Structure formats: C-alpha cells, structure tokens
Protein backbone atom coordinates (compact mmCIF):
# COMPACT_ATOMS: atom_id res chain seq x y z
CA UNK A 1 10.83 -1.47 9.65
CA UNK A 2 13.72 -2.92 7.81
CA UNK A 3 13.70 -3.90 4.20
CA UNK A 4 12.65 -7.64 3.43
CA UNK A 5 15.08 -9.93 1.75
CA UNK A 6 13.94 -9.72 -2.01
CA UNK A 7 14.77 -13.43 -2.24
CA UNK A 8 12.42 -14.61 0.17
CA UNK A 9 9.38 -13.00 -1.38
CA UNK A 10 6.85 -14.94 -3.27
CA UNK A 11 6.05 -14.54 -6.87
CA UNK A 12 3.88 -11.29 -7.48
CA UNK A 13 0.26 -11.94 -7.90
CA UNK A 14 -0.36 -8.75 -10.00
CA UNK A 15 1.64 -5.96 -11.70
CA UNK A 16 2.57 -2.74 -10.32
CA UNK A 17 0.17 -1.00 -12.81
CA UNK A 18 -2.68 -2.11 -10.51
CA UNK A 19 -1.38 -1.30 -7.37
CA UNK A 20 -2.95 2.46 -7.10
CA UNK A 21 -5.74 2.63 -9.24
CA UNK A 22 -8.57 4.94 -7.51
CA UNK A 23 -8.54 8.47 -8.38
CA UNK A 24 -8.74 9.54 -4.94
CA UNK A 25 -5.75 7.49 -3.82
CA UNK A 26 -3.67 8.65 -6.86
CA UNK A 27 -4.32 12.05 -6.09
CA UNK A 28 -3.15 11.58 -2.22
CA UNK A 29 0.02 9.88 -3.72
CA UNK A 30 0.39 12.99 -5.89
CA UNK A 31 -0.08 15.39 -3.12
CA UNK A 32 2.42 13.46 -0.96
CA UNK A 33 -0.34 12.16 1.35
CA UNK A 34 -0.14 8.55 0.85
CA UNK A 35 3.30 6.74 1.07
CA UNK A 36 2.02 3.14 1.47
CA UNK A 37 -0.60 0.93 0.20
CA UNK A 38 -1.97 -2.52 1.26
CA UNK A 39 -3.28 -5.27 -1.06
CA UNK A 40 -4.40 -8.82 -0.71
CA UNK A 41 -1.53 -9.73 -2.77
CA UNK A 42 1.93 -8.71 -3.80
CA UNK A 43 2.01 -6.33 -6.42
CA UNK A 44 5.50 -4.92 -6.83
CA UNK A 45 9.15 -5.67 -6.17
CA UNK A 46 11.37 -3.57 -3.93
CA UNK A 47 13.24 -1.05 -6.32
CA UNK A 48 10.51 -1.43 -9.14
CA UNK A 49 9.10 2.21 -10.41
CA UNK A 50 5.40 2.79 -10.14
CA UNK A 51 4.18 5.54 -12.61
CA UNK A 52 1.41 7.89 -12.11
CA UNK A 53 0.15 10.72 -14.09
CA UNK A 54 3.67 11.20 -15.47
CA UNK A 55 5.47 11.09 -11.89
CA UNK A 56 7.50 8.13 -10.65
CA UNK A 57 7.67 6.74 -7.48
CA UNK A 58 9.86 3.94 -6.28
CA UNK A 59 8.91 0.95 -3.91
CA UNK A 60 11.13 1.22 -0.99
CA UNK A 61 9.63 -2.03 1.03
CA UNK A 62 7.24 -4.94 0.82
CA UNK A 63 6.12 -6.98 3.71
CA UNK A 64 3.22 -8.92 5.21
CA UNK A 65 1.08 -7.43 7.98
CA UNK A 66 -1.94 -8.30 9.74
CA UNK A 67 -4.90 -5.98 9.83
CA UNK A 68 -4.70 -6.36 13.82
CA UNK A 69 -1.08 -4.77 13.59
CA UNK A 70 -2.49 -1.56 11.91
CA UNK A 71 -1.75 1.66 13.84
CA UNK A 72 -2.72 5.27 13.55
CA UNK A 73 0.78 5.75 12.05
CA UNK A 74 0.37 3.29 9.43
CA UNK A 75 -3.31 4.87 8.44
CA UNK A 76 -1.54 8.27 8.27
CA UNK A 77 0.76 6.47 5.48
CA UNK A 78 -2.45 5.31 3.64
CA UNK A 79 -3.66 8.77 3.87
CA UNK A 80 -6.19 8.72 6.61
CA UNK A 81 -5.89 10.12 10.08
CA UNK A 82 -7.07 6.74 12.03
CA UNK A 83 -6.86 3.23 11.47
CA UNK A 84 -10.85 3.35 12.03
CA UNK A 85 -11.06 5.92 9.38
CA UNK A 86 -8.84 3.63 7.03
CA UNK A 87 -10.96 0.65 7.67
CA UNK A 88 -14.28 2.20 6.94
CA UNK A 89 -12.94 3.46 3.58
CA UNK A 90 -11.48 -0.20 2.72
CA UNK A 91 -14.96 -1.48 3.96
CA UNK A 92 -16.80 0.83 1.51
CA UNK A 93 -14.83 -0.21 -1.64
CA UNK A 94 -15.41 -4.03 -0.29
CA UNK A 95 -18.55 -4.17 1.36
CA UNK A 96 -18.73 -8.29 1.78
CA UNK A 97 -15.18 -8.09 3.11
CA UNK A 98 -14.77 -9.00 6.70
CA UNK A 99 -12.14 -6.99 8.92
CA UNK A 100 -10.03 -9.54 10.86
CA UNK A 101 -7.37 -8.88 12.87
CA UNK A 102 -5.46 -11.86 11.55
CA UNK A 103 -6.24 -11.28 7.82
CA UNK A 104 -2.80 -10.29 6.00
CA UNK A 105 -1.96 -7.90 3.71
CA UNK A 106 0.73 -6.90 1.64
CA UNK A 107 2.32 -3.65 2.29
CA UNK A 108 3.94 -1.63 -0.16
CA UNK A 109 5.60 1.46 1.04
CA UNK A 110 6.80 4.03 -1.74
CA UNK A 111 8.56 7.53 -2.23
CA UNK A 112 8.98 9.94 -5.18
CA UNK A 113 11.76 9.43 -7.36
CA UNK A 114 13.70 12.84 -7.47
CA UNK A 115 14.56 13.65 -11.17
C-alpha cells in the first residue's frame, strides 16, 4: 500500500482525538496488537500524532477501502485474527449497521513514535 497524496484527501470529518476511544482498542494499540483503525470518516492527516495514555503514535497512511476488500491480514492490523471476527466486533458496537461489501471506510495506519 502506498502513501496517499495528502493534497488529494478531503477535509477531516472528525479530530484525531476521536480516532481510537474504546478502552479495549486503546489497550490493543499500546500492546502493539493494533496498527490500523477503520472509521466512517477521515479523522487524521498523514504525519499527525495521536496520543494514547502518554504514548505517541504517528499516522503513516490514510486511504479509502471497501469492506469487501478486507482480508484477514487487514483484520490482524485491527487486532483481530480474521475478517469475520473483526466484522462481529464492529456489528456488536453498531448493531443496526449493515455490513455491505461496497461500503467504504477510511483506513488510518499508525505506528509508535520512537522517543
């Protein structure tokens, strides 16, 4: 996956502080089990820094993906073993949300900032 051209990204729909808010997801990030998150909008710019419990993470890439493009490898970056496990987790948070292969999401990939 190549880095997106920052100039072609639409304006952010939310702030980076809202990118990862669930305690279970924060713990996965801090433990190195989660290196990406998908949202229905764009929450961060490439190069922006996300702070979680005193640790800094840099946004490495931001791009659009359809749910139908998800692979087990993508799910592992989200902290799950399989797409099905990831899907069931998302649907448990958003019970009325349809899971449509054509639905697009914003992928935010990140890594720890080495001090």
